[in-house]
Structures are given as structure tokens and as C-alpha cells.
Amino acid sequence: MKFTAQDKEHEDLGAPLVGTLQRDVTWGDCDPAGIVYYPTYYRWIDASTWNLFFLSGFTAQSIRTEYPGMDTPVVACGLEFHKPAIFGDKAEVRTFVEHWSGKSFKMHHEIVRADGVRLAHGTEVRVWVENNAGVIRARPVPDSFKRRFFVKR
């Protein structure tokens, strides 16, 4: 895991919590060439993000209950593809928060085949926003939210 100098301020919180999600490559995940169709990876990283949220004790509803009017929409997302996965392969998606900014955070995703081959990696940026009667504004990410994404060393 790589961290920027700005992330040093979070070192005292511990190591980043890493969520893992297992995936079997099914026929419906593939394109006519028989390899995983690229939107499948985006579905997988979204599911892995929510898996990390669940590991942190959050659901979409509990975030809205604990932090009324708040949400975490994706504002940027990208993947780089390294090797193809084919029907029948098994893969693991590993996700953690790579960087915390004042009003946003960057999720890091690694997608690895069961034999250890790196299939893809990428990031998504989420913003902590308040929705007040349809007016959406970015707000500082609360420390109480951030702390849930770390494991004490």
C-alpha cells in the first residue's frame, strides 16, 4: 500500500482496513471473446467498496441515520487492465481507502486472479456531501467516519 505525505496525519489511527470480495467469473461476466467485459470490473469494485463499508459497520441507510442528509457519491473512477480473466476464473477484489482529503476520499482497488496474477487496479474518489432539499454541497469528512476505516496496529 502506498500513502502520500498528507496521509501521515492518519498514521496514529492505525493501518487501513482492507476489504476483500471473492468473485467467480461467470458466462454473463464475459464479452463475445470470452474474457471479462470491462463494465464487470466496475460492478465488482462498487460491490467491494460497499463490502468495505459493511466491514466498517456502515450500510447506506446507517450512514444516513448517523449522519442525516449526508452521502458519499462517486465523482471520479478509473481502472487499468493488466491481464484478462476468462469464464471459470476466480478473482479477489481488495479495497481500502488510499487517501483522505478534507471533503473527499480515494478508494484503491486491486483485482487479482486466484493464482496471484494482477488483473486490474484502479481508484474511485468519493465526496462527503450534504443534500439539503436538493442543494448538494461538499462538507468535511468527519473524523468519526474516517476512524472506522482503520485497524489498530
Protein backbone atom coordinates (compact mmCIF):
# COMPACT_ATOMS: atom_id res chain seq x y z
CA MET A 1 0.00 0.00 0.00
CA LYS A 2 1.29 3.43 -0.86
CA PHE A 3 0.41 6.59 1.03
CA THR A 4 1.08 10.25 0.39
CA ALA A 5 2.66 12.69 2.83
CA GLN A 6 -0.81 14.08 3.58
CA ASP A 7 -1.85 10.64 4.81
CA LYS A 8 0.83 10.71 7.54
CA GLU A 9 -1.66 12.62 9.69
CA HIS A 10 -3.76 9.46 9.84
CA GLU A 11 -0.92 7.10 10.87
CA ASP A 12 -1.96 7.30 14.52
CA LEU A 13 -5.32 5.78 13.57
CA GLY A 14 -3.64 2.51 12.54
CA ALA A 15 -3.42 0.56 9.31
CA PRO A 16 -6.11 0.92 6.65
CA LEU A 17 -8.90 -1.63 6.86
CA VAL A 18 -8.77 -3.80 3.72
CA GLY A 19 -11.92 -5.42 2.44
CA THR A 20 -11.79 -8.45 0.17
CA LEU A 21 -14.53 -9.73 -2.09
CA GLN A 22 -14.40 -13.07 -3.90
CA ARG A 23 -15.78 -13.31 -7.44
CA ASP A 24 -16.31 -16.25 -9.78
CA VAL A 25 -16.16 -15.27 -13.44
CA THR A 26 -19.46 -16.40 -14.92
CA TRP A 27 -20.53 -16.58 -18.57
CA GLY A 28 -22.61 -13.42 -18.09
CA ASP A 29 -19.49 -11.51 -16.97
CA CYS A 30 -17.79 -12.10 -20.33
CA ASP A 31 -17.86 -10.48 -23.75
CA PRO A 32 -18.08 -12.45 -27.05
CA ALA A 33 -14.29 -13.04 -26.90
CA GLY A 34 -14.80 -14.99 -23.66
CA ILE A 35 -12.94 -12.55 -21.40
CA VAL A 36 -14.39 -10.39 -18.65
CA TYR A 37 -16.21 -7.43 -20.19
CA TYR A 38 -14.75 -4.25 -18.69
CA PRO A 39 -18.00 -2.93 -17.07
CA THR A 40 -17.99 -6.12 -14.96
CA TYR A 41 -14.89 -4.84 -13.16
CA TYR A 42 -16.72 -1.61 -12.31
CA ARG A 43 -19.59 -3.62 -10.81
CA TRP A 44 -17.06 -5.60 -8.79
CA ILE A 45 -15.26 -2.53 -7.41
CA ASP A 46 -18.56 -0.91 -6.45
CA ALA A 47 -19.57 -4.10 -4.62
CA SER A 48 -16.14 -4.20 -2.96
CA THR A 49 -16.49 -0.59 -1.81
CA TRP A 50 -19.80 -1.41 -0.16
CA ASN A 51 -18.26 -4.55 1.33
CA LEU A 52 -15.59 -2.31 2.94
CA PHE A 53 -18.35 -0.01 4.21
CA PHE A 54 -20.12 -3.05 5.71
CA LEU A 55 -16.85 -4.16 7.39
CA SER A 56 -16.62 -0.64 8.83
CA GLY A 57 -20.09 -1.03 10.29
CA PHE A 58 -21.91 1.06 7.71
CA THR A 59 -24.77 0.46 5.31
CA ALA A 60 -26.20 3.14 3.03
CA GLN A 61 -29.06 3.53 5.49
CA SER A 62 -26.89 3.64 8.62
CA ILE A 63 -24.73 6.41 7.09
CA ARG A 64 -27.89 8.45 6.53
CA THR A 65 -29.08 7.67 10.07
CA GLU A 66 -25.77 8.50 11.79
CA TYR A 67 -25.10 11.47 9.52
CA PRO A 68 -28.52 12.83 8.44
CA GLY A 69 -28.57 14.31 4.96
CA MET A 70 -25.08 13.03 4.13
CA ASP A 71 -23.94 10.75 1.31
CA THR A 72 -20.76 9.64 -0.49
CA PRO A 73 -21.25 9.86 -4.28
CA VAL A 74 -18.52 8.84 -6.72
CA VAL A 75 -17.03 11.80 -8.60
CA ALA A 76 -14.15 10.01 -10.37
CA CYS A 77 -13.42 6.39 -11.20
CA GLY A 78 -10.83 4.62 -13.29
CA LEU A 79 -9.24 1.23 -13.86
CA GLU A 80 -6.15 -0.06 -15.62
CA PHE A 81 -6.35 -3.55 -17.04
CA HIS A 82 -3.30 -5.84 -16.94
CA LYS A 83 -4.36 -9.40 -17.80
CA PRO A 84 -7.66 -10.89 -18.96
CA ALA A 85 -9.85 -13.10 -16.82
CA ILE A 86 -11.89 -15.82 -18.51
CA PHE A 87 -15.02 -17.79 -17.77
CA GLY A 88 -14.37 -20.08 -14.80
CA ASP A 89 -11.60 -17.99 -13.23
CA LYS A 90 -11.79 -16.98 -9.59
CA ALA A 91 -10.82 -13.44 -8.60
CA GLU A 92 -10.47 -11.36 -5.46
CA VAL A 93 -11.12 -7.63 -5.21
CA ARG A 94 -9.12 -5.89 -2.47
CA THR A 95 -10.27 -2.43 -1.43
CA PHE A 96 -9.08 0.18 1.07
CA VAL A 97 -9.13 3.95 1.50
CA GLU A 98 -5.85 5.10 -0.01
CA HIS A 99 -6.14 8.79 0.77
CA TRP A 100 -8.27 11.10 2.92
CA SER A 101 -8.72 14.73 1.88
CA GLY A 102 -10.76 17.36 3.65
CA LYS A 103 -14.03 16.69 1.81
CA SER A 104 -13.25 13.53 -0.15
CA PHE A 105 -11.51 10.19 -0.01
CA LYS A 106 -9.87 7.94 -2.58
CA MET A 107 -10.65 4.21 -2.64
CA HIS A 108 -7.96 1.89 -4.03
CA HIS A 109 -8.91 -1.38 -5.73
CA GLU A 110 -6.75 -4.35 -6.73
CA ILE A 111 -8.30 -7.20 -8.71
CA VAL A 112 -6.24 -10.37 -8.55
CA ARG A 113 -6.86 -13.81 -10.05
CA ALA A 114 -6.75 -16.79 -7.65
CA ASP A 115 -3.25 -17.70 -8.93
CA GLY A 116 -1.99 -14.25 -7.84
CA VAL A 117 -1.94 -12.62 -11.28
CA ARG A 118 -2.94 -8.95 -11.15
CA LEU A 119 -5.90 -8.44 -13.46
CA ALA A 120 -6.62 -4.75 -12.86
CA HIS A 121 -6.19 -1.91 -10.42
CA GLY A 122 -7.78 1.47 -10.02
CA THR A 123 -9.33 4.11 -7.85
CA GLU A 124 -12.58 5.88 -7.18
CA VAL A 125 -12.96 9.24 -5.49
CA ARG A 126 -15.95 9.81 -3.24
CA VAL A 127 -17.07 13.12 -1.82
CA TRP A 128 -18.75 13.63 1.54
CA VAL A 129 -21.83 15.67 0.63
CA GLU A 130 -24.86 17.13 2.33
CA ASN A 131 -28.13 17.07 0.41
CA ASN A 132 -30.36 19.80 1.77
CA ALA A 133 -33.64 19.87 -0.18
CA GLY A 134 -31.85 19.10 -3.45
CA VAL A 135 -28.95 21.50 -2.85
CA ILE A 136 -25.82 19.34 -2.70
CA ARG A 137 -22.66 20.70 -1.08
CA ALA A 138 -19.37 19.05 -0.16
CA ARG A 139 -18.62 19.06 3.56
CA PRO A 140 -15.58 17.98 5.62
CA VAL A 141 -15.41 14.22 6.20
CA PRO A 142 -15.98 13.72 9.94
CA ASP A 143 -13.20 12.05 11.94
CA SER A 144 -15.82 9.70 13.41
CA PHE A 145 -16.43 8.38 9.88
CA LYS A 146 -12.73 8.11 8.96
CA ARG A 147 -11.79 6.21 12.14
CA ARG A 148 -14.00 3.30 11.10
CA PHE A 149 -11.73 2.57 8.11
CA PHE A 150 -8.61 1.82 10.16
CA VAL A 151 -7.39 -1.18 12.15
CA LYS A 152 -5.33 -0.54 15.27
CA ARG A 153 -1.80 -1.91 14.93
